[in-house]
PDB file of N, CA and C in Angstrom:
ATOM      1  N   MET A   1     -17.651  19.456   8.079  1.00  0.00           N
ATOM      2  CA  MET A   1     -17.961  18.368   8.978  1.00  0.00           C
ATOM      3  C   MET A   1     -17.303  17.082   8.490  1.00  0.00           C
ATOM      4  N   ILE A   2     -17.087  16.202   9.411  1.00  0.00           N
ATOM      5  CA  ILE A   2     -16.403  14.956   9.102  1.00  0.00           C
ATOM      6  C   ILE A   2     -17.216  14.100   8.126  1.00  0.00           C
ATOM      7  N   ARG A   3     -18.535  14.158   8.233  1.00  0.00           N
ATOM      8  CA  ARG A   3     -19.411  13.394   7.330  1.00  0.00           C
ATOM      9  C   ARG A   3     -19.164  13.835   5.879  1.00  0.00           C
ATOM     10  N   ASN A   4     -19.031  15.148   5.684  1.00  0.00           N
ATOM     11  CA  ASN A   4     -18.764  15.667   4.343  1.00  0.00           C
ATOM     12  C   ASN A   4     -17.396  15.220   3.838  1.00  0.00           C
ATOM     13  N   LYS A   5     -16.416  15.212   4.721  1.00  0.00           N
ATOM     14  CA  LYS A   5     -15.070  14.784   4.351  1.00  0.00           C
ATOM     15  C   LYS A   5     -15.067  13.314   3.932  1.00  0.00           C
ATOM     16  N   ILE A   6     -15.813  12.491   4.628  1.00  0.00           N
ATOM     17  CA  ILE A   6     -15.900  11.067   4.280  1.00  0.00           C
ATOM     18  C   ILE A   6     -16.541  10.906   2.902  1.00  0.00           C
ATOM     19  N   ASN A   7     -17.673  11.591   2.689  1.00  0.00           N
ATOM     20  CA  ASN A   7     -18.348  11.514   1.390  1.00  0.00           C
ATOM     21  C   ASN A   7     -17.443  12.012   0.264  1.00  0.00           C
ATOM     22  N   GLN A   8     -16.751  13.104   0.510  1.00  0.00           N
ATOM     23  CA  GLN A   8     -15.842  13.675  -0.480  1.00  0.00           C
ATOM     24  C   GLN A   8     -14.704  12.698  -0.805  1.00  0.00           C
ATOM     25  N   THR A   9     -14.142  12.095   0.226  1.00  0.00           N
ATOM     26  CA  THR A   9     -13.041  11.145   0.041  1.00  0.00           C
ATOM     27  C   THR A   9     -13.502   9.923  -0.745  1.00  0.00           C
ATOM     28  N   LEU A  10     -14.684   9.403  -0.428  1.00  0.00           N
ATOM     29  CA  LEU A  10     -15.226   8.270  -1.179  1.00  0.00           C
ATOM     30  C   LEU A  10     -15.372   8.634  -2.658  1.00  0.00           C
ATOM     31  N   LYS A  11     -15.912   9.815  -2.910  1.00  0.00           N
ATOM     32  CA  LYS A  11     -16.123  10.263  -4.289  1.00  0.00           C
ATOM     33  C   LYS A  11     -14.788  10.424  -5.024  1.00  0.00           C
ATOM     34  N   GLU A  12     -13.827  11.076  -4.371  1.00  0.00           N
ATOM     35  CA  GLU A  12     -12.514  11.301  -4.982  1.00  0.00           C
ATOM     36  C   GLU A  12     -11.813   9.998  -5.337  1.00  0.00           C
ATOM     37  N   ARG A  13     -12.038   8.983  -4.526  1.00  0.00           N
ATOM     38  CA  ARG A  13     -11.370   7.692  -4.735  1.00  0.00           C
ATOM     39  C   ARG A  13     -12.238   6.700  -5.522  1.00  0.00           C
ATOM     40  N   SER A  14     -13.366   7.198  -5.994  1.00  0.00           N
ATOM     41  CA  SER A  14     -14.313   6.356  -6.747  1.00  0.00           C
ATOM     42  C   SER A  14     -14.698   5.108  -5.956  1.00  0.00           C
ATOM     43  N   LYS A  15     -14.962   5.314  -4.663  1.00  0.00           N
ATOM     44  CA  LYS A  15     -15.389   4.226  -3.780  1.00  0.00           C
ATOM     45  C   LYS A  15     -16.849   4.449  -3.403  1.00  0.00           C
ATOM     46  N   THR A  16     -17.516   3.380  -3.055  1.00  0.00           N
ATOM     47  CA  THR A  16     -18.936   3.447  -2.700  1.00  0.00           C
ATOM     48  C   THR A  16     -19.133   3.116  -1.218  1.00  0.00           C
ATOM     49  N   GLN A  17     -20.350   3.354  -0.768  1.00  0.00           N
ATOM     50  CA  GLN A  17     -20.689   2.953   0.599  1.00  0.00           C
ATOM     51  C   GLN A  17     -20.627   1.431   0.733  1.00  0.00           C
ATOM     52  N   THR A  18     -20.937   0.721  -0.330  1.00  0.00           N
ATOM     53  CA  THR A  18     -20.834  -0.743  -0.306  1.00  0.00           C
ATOM     54  C   THR A  18     -19.384  -1.155  -0.087  1.00  0.00           C
ATOM     55  N   TRP A  19     -18.476  -0.502  -0.778  1.00  0.00           N
ATOM     56  CA  TRP A  19     -17.050  -0.775  -0.599  1.00  0.00           C
ATOM     57  C   TRP A  19     -16.644  -0.499   0.847  1.00  0.00           C
ATOM     58  N   LEU A  20     -17.117   0.639   1.393  1.00  0.00           N
ATOM     59  CA  LEU A  20     -16.781   0.996   2.771  1.00  0.00           C
ATOM     60  C   LEU A  20     -17.344  -0.040   3.747  1.00  0.00           C
ATOM     61  N   HIS A  21     -18.538  -0.504   3.484  1.00  0.00           N
ATOM     62  CA  HIS A  21     -19.153  -1.566   4.289  1.00  0.00           C
ATOM     63  C   HIS A  21     -18.283  -2.830   4.257  1.00  0.00           C
ATOM     64  N   GLU A  22     -17.828  -3.190   3.058  1.00  0.00           N
ATOM     65  CA  GLU A  22     -17.003  -4.399   2.915  1.00  0.00           C
ATOM     66  C   GLU A  22     -15.672  -4.267   3.650  1.00  0.00           C
ATOM     67  N   GLN A  23     -15.114  -3.073   3.670  1.00  0.00           N
ATOM     68  CA  GLN A  23     -13.832  -2.839   4.327  1.00  0.00           C
ATOM     69  C   GLN A  23     -13.951  -2.777   5.845  1.00  0.00           C
ATOM     70  N   THR A  24     -15.077  -2.241   6.326  1.00  0.00           N
ATOM     71  CA  THR A  24     -15.210  -1.986   7.769  1.00  0.00           C
ATOM     72  C   THR A  24     -16.120  -2.969   8.494  1.00  0.00           C
ATOM     73  N   GLY A  25     -17.040  -3.586   7.762  1.00  0.00           N
ATOM     74  CA  GLY A  25     -18.012  -4.464   8.403  1.00  0.00           C
ATOM     75  C   GLY A  25     -19.171  -3.713   9.046  1.00  0.00           C
ATOM     76  N   ILE A  26     -19.210  -2.403   8.857  1.00  0.00           N
ATOM     77  CA  ILE A  26     -20.318  -1.597   9.396  1.00  0.00           C
ATOM     78  C   ILE A  26     -21.533  -1.812   8.495  1.00  0.00           C
ATOM     79  N   ARG A  27     -22.690  -2.001   9.118  1.00  0.00           N
ATOM     80  CA  ARG A  27     -23.920  -2.254   8.354  1.00  0.00           C
ATOM     81  C   ARG A  27     -24.147  -1.170   7.301  1.00  0.00           C
ATOM     82  N   LYS A  28     -24.600  -1.590   6.124  1.00  0.00           N
ATOM     83  CA  LYS A  28     -24.859  -0.649   5.032  1.00  0.00           C
ATOM     84  C   LYS A  28     -25.865   0.422   5.442  1.00  0.00           C
ATOM     85  N   ALA A  29     -26.907   0.000   6.135  1.00  0.00           N
ATOM     86  CA  ALA A  29     -27.948   0.952   6.552  1.00  0.00           C
ATOM     87  C   ALA A  29     -27.377   1.995   7.512  1.00  0.00           C
ATOM     88  N   SER A  30     -26.512   1.554   8.413  1.00  0.00           N
ATOM     89  CA  SER A  30     -25.891   2.490   9.366  1.00  0.00           C
ATOM     90  C   SER A  30     -24.999   3.490   8.633  1.00  0.00           C
ATOM     91  N   LEU A  31     -24.209   3.000   7.681  1.00  0.00           N
ATOM     92  CA  LEU A  31     -23.359   3.887   6.888  1.00  0.00           C
ATOM     93  C   LEU A  31     -24.199   4.894   6.107  1.00  0.00           C
ATOM     94  N   SER A  32     -25.227   4.394   5.459  1.00  0.00           N
ATOM     95  CA  SER A  32     -26.094   5.252   4.653  1.00  0.00           C
ATOM     96  C   SER A  32     -26.748   6.337   5.508  1.00  0.00           C
ATOM     97  N   ASP A  33     -27.298   5.932   6.647  1.00  0.00           N
ATOM     98  CA  ASP A  33     -27.956   6.904   7.532  1.00  0.00           C
ATOM     99  C   ASP A  33     -26.971   7.941   8.050  1.00  0.00           C
ATOM    100  N   PHE A  34     -25.774   7.501   8.417  1.00  0.00           N
ATOM    101  CA  PHE A  34     -24.767   8.438   8.921  1.00  0.00           C
ATOM    102  C   PHE A  34     -24.301   9.390   7.818  1.00  0.00           C
ATOM    103  N   LEU A  35     -23.960   8.838   6.659  1.00  0.00           N
ATOM    104  CA  LEU A  35     -23.398   9.652   5.578  1.00  0.00           C
ATOM    105  C   LEU A  35     -24.428  10.579   4.936  1.00  0.00           C
ATOM    106  N   SER A  36     -25.711  10.278   5.114  1.00  0.00           N
ATOM    107  CA  SER A  36     -26.755  11.171   4.598  1.00  0.00           C
ATOM    108  C   SER A  36     -27.202  12.184   5.650  1.00  0.00           C
ATOM    109  N   GLY A  37     -26.689  12.042   6.873  1.00  0.00           N
ATOM    110  CA  GLY A  37     -27.024  12.995   7.933  1.00  0.00           C
ATOM    111  C   GLY A  37     -28.265  12.652   8.723  1.00  0.00           C
ATOM    112  N   LYS A  38     -28.821  11.464   8.507  1.00  0.00           N
ATOM    113  CA  LYS A  38     -30.037  11.072   9.227  1.00  0.00           C
ATOM    114  C   LYS A  38     -29.763  10.726  10.685  1.00  0.00           C
ATOM    115  N   THR A  39     -28.590  10.103  10.931  1.00  0.00           N
ATOM    116  CA  THR A  39     -28.259   9.678  12.294  1.00  0.00           C
ATOM    117  C   THR A  39     -26.785   9.931  12.563  1.00  0.00           C
ATOM    118  N   GLY A  40     -26.432   9.746  13.804  1.00  0.00           N
ATOM    119  CA  GLY A  40     -25.029   9.785  14.189  1.00  0.00           C
ATOM    120  C   GLY A  40     -24.442   8.389  14.027  1.00  0.00           C
ATOM    121  N   ILE A  41     -23.237   8.209  14.566  1.00  0.00           N
ATOM    122  CA  ILE A  41     -22.589   6.912  14.475  1.00  0.00           C
ATOM    123  C   ILE A  41     -21.732   6.730  15.715  1.00  0.00           C
ATOM    124  N   GLU A  42     -21.554   5.506  16.141  1.00  0.00           N
ATOM    125  CA  GLU A  42     -20.715   5.240  17.313  1.00  0.00           C
ATOM    126  C   GLU A  42     -19.282   5.659  17.019  1.00  0.00           C
ATOM    127  N   PHE A  43     -18.595   6.110  18.055  1.00  0.00           N
ATOM    128  CA  PHE A  43     -17.234   6.599  17.866  1.00  0.00           C
ATOM    129  C   PHE A  43     -16.316   5.513  17.315  1.00  0.00           C
ATOM    130  N   LYS A  44     -16.472   4.284  17.792  1.00  0.00           N
ATOM    131  CA  LYS A  44     -15.635   3.180  17.298  1.00  0.00           C
ATOM    132  C   LYS A  44     -15.808   3.004  15.797  1.00  0.00           C
ATOM    133  N   SER A  45     -17.035   3.125  15.317  1.00  0.00           N
ATOM    134  CA  SER A  45     -17.310   2.992  13.888  1.00  0.00           C
ATOM    135  C   SER A  45     -16.711   4.154  13.113  1.00  0.00           C
ATOM    136  N   LEU A  46     -16.833   5.352  13.659  1.00  0.00           N
ATOM    137  CA  LEU A  46     -16.253   6.524  13.009  1.00  0.00           C
ATOM    138  C   LEU A  46     -14.742   6.377  12.906  1.00  0.00           C
ATOM    139  N   GLU A  47     -14.137   5.930  13.977  1.00  0.00           N
ATOM    140  CA  GLU A  47     -12.691   5.708  13.979  1.00  0.00           C
ATOM    141  C   GLU A  47     -12.287   4.706  12.894  1.00  0.00           C
ATOM    142  N   LEU A  48     -13.053   3.655  12.760  1.00  0.00           N
ATOM    143  CA  LEU A  48     -12.778   2.623  11.766  1.00  0.00           C
ATOM    144  C   LEU A  48     -12.903   3.179  10.343  1.00  0.00           C
ATOM    145  N   ILE A  49     -13.939   3.966  10.108  1.00  0.00           N
ATOM    146  CA  ILE A  49     -14.140   4.591   8.799  1.00  0.00           C
ATOM    147  C   ILE A  49     -12.967   5.503   8.464  1.00  0.00           C
ATOM    148  N   LEU A  50     -12.611   6.365   9.415  1.00  0.00           N
ATOM    149  CA  LEU A  50     -11.521   7.320   9.183  1.00  0.00           C
ATOM    150  C   LEU A  50     -10.202   6.594   8.939  1.00  0.00           C
ATOM    151  N   SER A  51      -9.962   5.563   9.697  1.00  0.00           N
ATOM    152  CA  SER A  51      -8.741   4.785   9.536  1.00  0.00           C
ATOM    153  C   SER A  51      -8.702   4.119   8.157  1.00  0.00           C
ATOM    154  N   THR A  52      -9.815   3.547   7.738  1.00  0.00           N
ATOM    155  CA  THR A  52      -9.906   2.881   6.439  1.00  0.00           C
ATOM    156  C   THR A  52      -9.620   3.857   5.297  1.00  0.00           C
ATOM    157  N   LEU A  53     -10.095   5.100   5.458  1.00  0.00           N
ATOM    158  CA  LEU A  53      -9.929   6.104   4.405  1.00  0.00           C
ATOM    159  C   LEU A  53      -8.695   6.985   4.608  1.00  0.00           C
ATOM    160  N   ASP A  54      -7.910   6.697   5.635  1.00  0.00           N
ATOM    161  CA  ASP A  54      -6.731   7.512   5.961  1.00  0.00           C
ATOM    162  C   ASP A  54      -7.068   8.990   6.136  1.00  0.00           C
ATOM    163  N   ILE A  55      -8.150   9.254   6.857  1.00  0.00           N
ATOM    164  CA  ILE A  55      -8.554  10.620   7.169  1.00  0.00           C
ATOM    165  C   ILE A  55      -8.183  10.879   8.622  1.00  0.00           C
ATOM    166  N   PRO A  56      -7.460  11.979   8.900  1.00  0.00           N
ATOM    167  CA  PRO A  56      -7.127  12.283  10.299  1.00  0.00           C
ATOM    168  C   PRO A  56      -8.395  12.498  11.121  1.00  0.00           C
ATOM    169  N   LEU A  57      -8.351  12.086  12.366  1.00  0.00           N
ATOM    170  CA  LEU A  57      -9.511  12.217  13.246  1.00  0.00           C
ATOM    171  C   LEU A  57      -9.899  13.677  13.451  1.00  0.00           C
ATOM    172  N   VAL A  58      -8.920  14.533  13.648  1.00  0.00           N
ATOM    173  CA  VAL A  58      -9.196  15.948  13.886  1.00  0.00           C
ATOM    174  C   VAL A  58      -8.502  16.750  12.791  1.00  0.00           C
ATOM    175  N   THR A  59      -9.290  17.403  11.940  1.00  0.00           N
ATOM    176  CA  THR A  59      -8.729  18.215  10.871  1.00  0.00           C
ATOM    177  C   THR A  59      -8.530  19.648  11.359  1.00  0.00           C
ATOM    178  N   ILE A  60      -7.861  20.455  10.587  1.00  0.00           N
ATOM    179  CA  ILE A  60      -7.592  21.847  10.977  1.00  0.00           C
ATOM    180  C   ILE A  60      -8.883  22.609  11.201  1.00  0.00           C
ATOM    181  N   SER A  61      -9.861  22.477  10.303  1.00  0.00           N
ATOM    182  CA  SER A  61     -11.118  23.216  10.484  1.00  0.00           C
ATOM    183  C   SER A  61     -11.859  22.713  11.713  1.00  0.00           C
ATOM    184  N   ASP A  62     -11.767  21.400  11.997  1.00  0.00           N
ATOM    185  CA  ASP A  62     -12.381  20.863  13.213  1.00  0.00           C
ATOM    186  C   ASP A  62     -11.731  21.486  14.443  1.00  0.00           C
ATOM    187  N   LYS A  63     -10.418  21.667  14.401  1.00  0.00           N
ATOM    188  CA  LYS A  63      -9.687  22.229  15.536  1.00  0.00           C
ATOM    189  C   LYS A  63     -10.163  23.646  15.837  1.00  0.00           C
ATOM    190  N   VAL A  64     -10.366  24.426  14.790  1.00  0.00           N
ATOM    191  CA  VAL A  64     -10.841  25.802  14.970  1.00  0.00           C
ATOM    192  C   VAL A  64     -12.230  25.787  15.594  1.00  0.00           C
ATOM    193  N   THR A  65     -13.109  24.912  15.097  1.00  0.00           N
ATOM    194  CA  THR A  65     -14.465  24.798  15.627  1.00  0.00           C
ATOM    195  C   THR A  65     -14.438  24.333  17.081  1.00  0.00           C
ATOM    196  N   ILE A  66     -13.657  23.317  17.361  1.00  0.00           N
ATOM    197  CA  ILE A  66     -13.553  22.791  18.724  1.00  0.00           C
ATOM    198  C   ILE A  66     -13.055  23.881  19.667  1.00  0.00           C
ATOM    199  N   ARG A  67     -12.036  24.590  19.243  1.00  0.00           N
ATOM    200  CA  ARG A  67     -11.464  25.655  20.073  1.00  0.00           C
ATOM    201  C   ARG A  67     -12.526  26.706  20.408  1.00  0.00           C
ATOM    202  N   THR A  68     -13.278  27.125  19.406  1.00  0.00           N
ATOM    203  CA  THR A  68     -14.323  28.135  19.603  1.00  0.00           C
ATOM    204  C   THR A  68     -15.393  27.635  20.567  1.00  0.00           C
ATOM    205  N   ILE A  69     -15.838  26.413  20.366  1.00  0.00           N
ATOM    206  CA  ILE A  69     -16.879  25.834  21.225  1.00  0.00           C
ATOM    207  C   ILE A  69     -16.386  25.716  22.663  1.00  0.00           C
ATOM    208  N   LEU A  70     -15.174  25.229  22.844  1.00  0.00           N
ATOM    209  CA  LEU A  70     -14.644  25.055  24.197  1.00  0.00           C
ATOM    210  C   LEU A  70     -14.505  26.385  24.915  1.00  0.00           C
ATOM    211  N   ARG A  71     -14.031  27.402  24.215  1.00  0.00           N
ATOM    212  CA  ARG A  71     -13.906  28.726  24.844  1.00  0.00           C
ATOM    213  C   ARG A  71     -15.278  29.256  25.269  1.00  0.00           C
ATOM    214  N   LYS A  72     -16.276  29.088  24.417  1.00  0.00           N
ATOM    215  CA  LYS A  72     -17.631  29.541  24.766  1.00  0.00           C
ATOM    216  C   LYS A  72     -18.146  28.787  25.987  1.00  0.00           C
ATOM    217  N   LEU A  73     -17.888  27.479  26.030  1.00  0.00           N
ATOM    218  CA  LEU A  73     -18.317  26.688  27.186  1.00  0.00           C
ATOM    219  C   LEU A  73     -17.683  27.197  28.472  1.00  0.00           C
ATOM    220  N   PHE A  74     -16.379  27.414  28.423  1.00  0.00           N
ATOM    221  CA  PHE A  74     -15.669  27.840  29.622  1.00  0.00           C
ATOM    222  C   PHE A  74     -16.046  29.258  30.048  1.00  0.00           C
ATOM    223  N   ASP A  75     -16.375  30.101  29.092  1.00  0.00           N
ATOM    224  CA  ASP A  75     -16.724  31.485  29.413  1.00  0.00           C
ATOM    225  C   ASP A  75     -18.145  31.625  29.956  1.00  0.00           C
ATOM    226  N   ASN A  76     -18.994  30.641  29.722  1.00  0.00           N
ATOM    227  CA  ASN A  76     -20.368  30.678  30.187  1.00  0.00           C
ATOM    228  C   ASN A  76     -20.407  30.306  31.676  1.00  0.00           C
ATOM    229  N   ARG A  77     -20.918  31.195  32.483  1.00  0.00           N
ATOM    230  CA  ARG A  77     -20.929  30.961  33.934  1.00  0.00           C
ATOM    231  C   ARG A  77     -21.839  29.815  34.356  1.00  0.00           C
ATOM    232  N   ASN A  78     -22.797  29.469  33.514  1.00  0.00           N
ATOM    233  CA  ASN A  78     -23.734  28.391  33.856  1.00  0.00           C
ATOM    234  C   ASN A  78     -23.228  27.016  33.438  1.00  0.00           C
ATOM    235  N   THR A  79     -22.101  26.972  32.779  1.00  0.00           N
ATOM    236  CA  THR A  79     -21.564  25.704  32.306  1.00  0.00           C
ATOM    237  C   THR A  79     -21.072  24.859  33.467  1.00  0.00           C
ATOM    238  N   ASN A  80     -21.366  23.588  33.394  1.00  0.00           N
ATOM    239  CA  ASN A  80     -20.871  22.636  34.380  1.00  0.00           C
ATOM    240  C   ASN A  80     -19.379  22.424  34.131  1.00  0.00           C
ATOM    241  N   LYS A  81     -18.555  22.895  35.052  1.00  0.00           N
ATOM    242  CA  LYS A  81     -17.104  22.859  34.868  1.00  0.00           C
ATOM    243  C   LYS A  81     -16.562  21.429  34.821  1.00  0.00           C
ATOM    244  N   ARG A  82     -17.216  20.517  35.511  1.00  0.00           N
ATOM    245  CA  ARG A  82     -16.786  19.120  35.468  1.00  0.00           C
ATOM    246  C   ARG A  82     -16.930  18.579  34.048  1.00  0.00           C
ATOM    247  N   GLU A  83     -18.057  18.907  33.403  1.00  0.00           N
ATOM    248  CA  GLU A  83     -18.269  18.454  32.032  1.00  0.00           C
ATOM    249  C   GLU A  83     -17.230  19.073  31.093  1.00  0.00           C
ATOM    250  N   CYS A  84     -16.933  20.354  31.285  1.00  0.00           N
ATOM    251  CA  CYS A  84     -15.920  21.017  30.460  1.00  0.00           C
ATOM    252  C   CYS A  84     -14.575  20.329  30.610  1.00  0.00           C
ATOM    253  N   LYS A  85     -14.235  20.018  31.821  1.00  0.00           N
ATOM    254  CA  LYS A  85     -12.950  19.362  32.079  1.00  0.00           C
ATOM    255  C   LYS A  85     -12.917  17.995  31.389  1.00  0.00           C
ATOM    256  N   SER A  86     -14.007  17.275  31.445  1.00  0.00           N
ATOM    257  CA  SER A  86     -14.080  15.973  30.778  1.00  0.00           C
ATOM    258  C   SER A  86     -13.952  16.114  29.266  1.00  0.00           C
ATOM    259  N   ILE A  87     -14.616  17.129  28.712  1.00  0.00           N
ATOM    260  CA  ILE A  87     -14.556  17.357  27.270  1.00  0.00           C
ATOM    261  C   ILE A  87     -13.128  17.681  26.843  1.00  0.00           C
ATOM    262  N   ILE A  88     -12.486  18.574  27.580  1.00  0.00           N
ATOM    263  CA  ILE A  88     -11.101  18.943  27.253  1.00  0.00           C
ATOM    264  C   ILE A  88     -10.198  17.718  27.340  1.00  0.00           C
ATOM    265  N   ASN A  89     -10.359  16.936  28.381  1.00  0.00           N
ATOM    266  CA  ASN A  89      -9.520  15.745  28.534  1.00  0.00           C
ATOM    267  C   ASN A  89      -9.740  14.753  27.398  1.00  0.00           C
ATOM    268  N   MET A  90     -10.993  14.635  26.936  1.00  0.00           N
ATOM    269  CA  MET A  90     -11.287  13.753  25.821  1.00  0.00           C
ATOM    270  C   MET A  90     -10.590  14.251  24.553  1.00  0.00           C
ATOM    271  N   TYR A  91     -10.720  15.545  24.261  1.00  0.00           N
ATOM    272  CA  TYR A  91     -10.076  16.090  23.070  1.00  0.00           C
ATOM    273  C   TYR A  91      -8.561  16.014  23.175  1.00  0.00           C
ATOM    274  N   GLU A  92      -8.054  16.209  24.360  1.00  0.00           N
ATOM    275  CA  GLU A  92      -6.606  16.121  24.550  1.00  0.00           C
ATOM    276  C   GLU A  92      -6.121  14.706  24.217  1.00  0.00           C
ATOM    277  N   THR A  93      -6.898  13.719  24.590  1.00  0.00           N
ATOM    278  CA  THR A  93      -6.543  12.336  24.287  1.00  0.00           C
ATOM    279  C   THR A  93      -6.455  12.113  22.784  1.00  0.00           C
ATOM    280  N   PHE A  94      -7.441  12.635  22.046  1.00  0.00           N
ATOM    281  CA  PHE A  94      -7.477  12.397  20.601  1.00  0.00           C
ATOM    282  C   PHE A  94      -6.575  13.337  19.829  1.00  0.00           C
ATOM    283  N   ALA A  95      -6.385  14.541  20.307  1.00  0.00           N
ATOM    284  CA  ALA A  95      -5.561  15.512  19.586  1.00  0.00           C
ATOM    285  C   ALA A  95      -4.104  15.448  20.027  1.00  0.00           C
ATOM    286  N   LEU A  96      -3.822  14.677  21.064  1.00  0.00           N
ATOM    287  CA  LEU A  96      -2.461  14.477  21.552  1.00  0.00           C
ATOM    288  C   LEU A  96      -1.717  15.788  21.797  1.00  0.00           C
ATOM    289  N   GLY A  97      -2.350  16.655  22.572  1.00  0.00           N
ATOM    290  CA  GLY A  97      -1.684  17.880  23.005  1.00  0.00           C
ATOM    291  C   GLY A  97      -1.628  18.969  21.961  1.00  0.00           C
ATOM    292  N   GLU A  98      -2.614  19.031  21.076  1.00  0.00           N
ATOM    293  CA  GLU A  98      -2.631  20.106  20.097  1.00  0.00           C
ATOM    294  C   GLU A  98      -2.533  21.447  20.822  1.00  0.00           C
ATOM    295  N   TYR A  99      -1.931  22.416  20.135  1.00  0.00           N
ATOM    296  CA  TYR A  99      -1.660  23.706  20.760  1.00  0.00           C
ATOM    297  C   TYR A  99      -2.887  24.359  21.370  1.00  0.00           C
ATOM    298  N   PHE A 100      -4.054  24.245  20.722  1.00  0.00           N
ATOM    299  CA  PHE A 100      -5.238  24.930  21.245  1.00  0.00           C
ATOM    300  C   PHE A 100      -5.736  24.294  22.537  1.00  0.00           C
ATOM    301  N   ILE A 101      -5.532  22.998  22.715  1.00  0.00           N
ATOM    302  CA  ILE A 101      -5.918  22.339  23.967  1.00  0.00           C
ATOM    303  C   ILE A 101      -5.015  22.848  25.090  1.00  0.00           C
ATOM    304  N   ILE A 102      -3.728  22.915  24.820  1.00  0.00           N
ATOM    305  CA  ILE A 102      -2.776  23.414  25.815  1.00  0.00           C
ATOM    306  C   ILE A 102      -3.098  24.865  26.159  1.00  0.00           C
ATOM    307  N   GLU A 103      -3.410  25.654  25.147  1.00  0.00           N
ATOM    308  CA  GLU A 103      -3.744  27.063  25.344  1.00  0.00           C
ATOM    309  C   GLU A 103      -4.987  27.218  26.225  1.00  0.00           C
ATOM    310  N   ILE A 104      -6.018  26.439  25.950  1.00  0.00           N
ATOM    311  CA  ILE A 104      -7.251  26.517  26.736  1.00  0.00           C
ATOM    312  C   ILE A 104      -6.980  26.072  28.174  1.00  0.00           C
ATOM    313  N   LYS A 105      -6.220  25.008  28.346  1.00  0.00           N
ATOM    314  CA  LYS A 105      -5.905  24.549  29.698  1.00  0.00           C
ATOM    315  C   LYS A 105      -5.142  25.624  30.471  1.00  0.00           C
ATOM    316  N   ASN A 106      -4.249  26.331  29.793  1.00  0.00           N
ATOM    317  CA  ASN A 106      -3.509  27.412  30.447  1.00  0.00           C
ATOM    318  C   ASN A 106      -4.418  28.581  30.791  1.00  0.00           C
ATOM    319  N   ASP A 107      -5.320  28.938  29.873  1.00  0.00           N
ATOM    320  CA  ASP A 107      -6.223  30.067  30.096  1.00  0.00           C
ATOM    321  C   ASP A 107      -7.246  29.794  31.195  1.00  0.00           C
ATOM    322  N   TYR A 108      -7.580  28.544  31.398  1.00  0.00           N
ATOM    323  CA  TYR A 108      -8.601  28.183  32.386  1.00  0.00           C
ATOM    324  C   TYR A 108      -8.009  27.259  33.456  1.00  0.00           C
ATOM    325  N   GLN A 109      -6.834  27.603  33.919  1.00  0.00           N
ATOM    326  CA  GLN A 109      -6.120  26.779  34.895  1.00  0.00           C
ATOM    327  C   GLN A 109      -6.943  26.517  36.146  1.00  0.00           C
ATOM    328  N   ASP A 110      -7.716  27.502  36.560  1.00  0.00           N
ATOM    329  CA  ASP A 110      -8.505  27.345  37.782  1.00  0.00           C
ATOM    330  C   ASP A 110      -9.456  26.151  37.692  1.00  0.00           C
ATOM    331  N   VAL A 111     -10.027  25.912  36.521  1.00  0.00           N
ATOM    332  CA  VAL A 111     -10.945  24.790  36.339  1.00  0.00           C
ATOM    333  C   VAL A 111     -10.192  23.476  36.469  1.00  0.00           C
ATOM    334  N   PHE A 112      -8.978  23.415  35.937  1.00  0.00           N
ATOM    335  CA  PHE A 112      -8.235  22.167  35.933  1.00  0.00           C
ATOM    336  C   PHE A 112      -7.581  21.876  37.268  1.00  0.00           C
ATOM    337  N   LYS A 113      -7.487  22.879  38.131  1.00  0.00           N
ATOM    338  CA  LYS A 113      -6.943  22.650  39.467  1.00  0.00           C
ATOM    339  C   LYS A 113      -8.004  22.135  40.426  1.00  0.00           C
ATOM    340  N   GLU A 114      -9.274  22.416  40.104  1.00  0.00           N
ATOM    341  CA  GLU A 114     -10.371  21.998  40.965  1.00  0.00           C
ATOM    342  C   GLU A 114     -10.582  20.495  40.895  1.00  0.00           C
ATOM    343  N   GLU A 115     -10.882  19.903  42.006  1.00  0.00           N
ATOM    344  CA  GLU A 115     -11.209  18.471  42.051  1.00  0.00           C
ATOM    345  C   GLU A 115     -12.724  18.343  42.142  1.00  0.00           C
ATOM    346  N   TYR A 116     -13.277  17.390  41.408  1.00  0.00           N
ATOM    347  CA  TYR A 116     -14.742  17.212  41.401  1.00  0.00           C
ATOM    348  C   TYR A 116     -15.092  15.859  41.959  1.00  0.00           C
TER     349      TYR A 116
END
């Protein structure tokens, strides 16, 4: 998970949450709660943290997980196809056309041709 990668990177670089707070301006309590797994964090804040630590937004293991989740969503007949399309479009924006996004779009062309 990305939270683990952030904690690992801080440790490897001998940096603290206080240092991360000073670099990003994110409240110490928010950082602590997020990095300990108590709460989530706003995407803008996550982006800022990752940028500060030079961590790619989508790692290889994340890509495998995302791919698996998206395929399960699309294969489930009860899934709201509009939501799936939105999710794919969001990941496509951040992954900039990663092969698995293109592959899923090709495999589920019927969903992407539909207008909602």
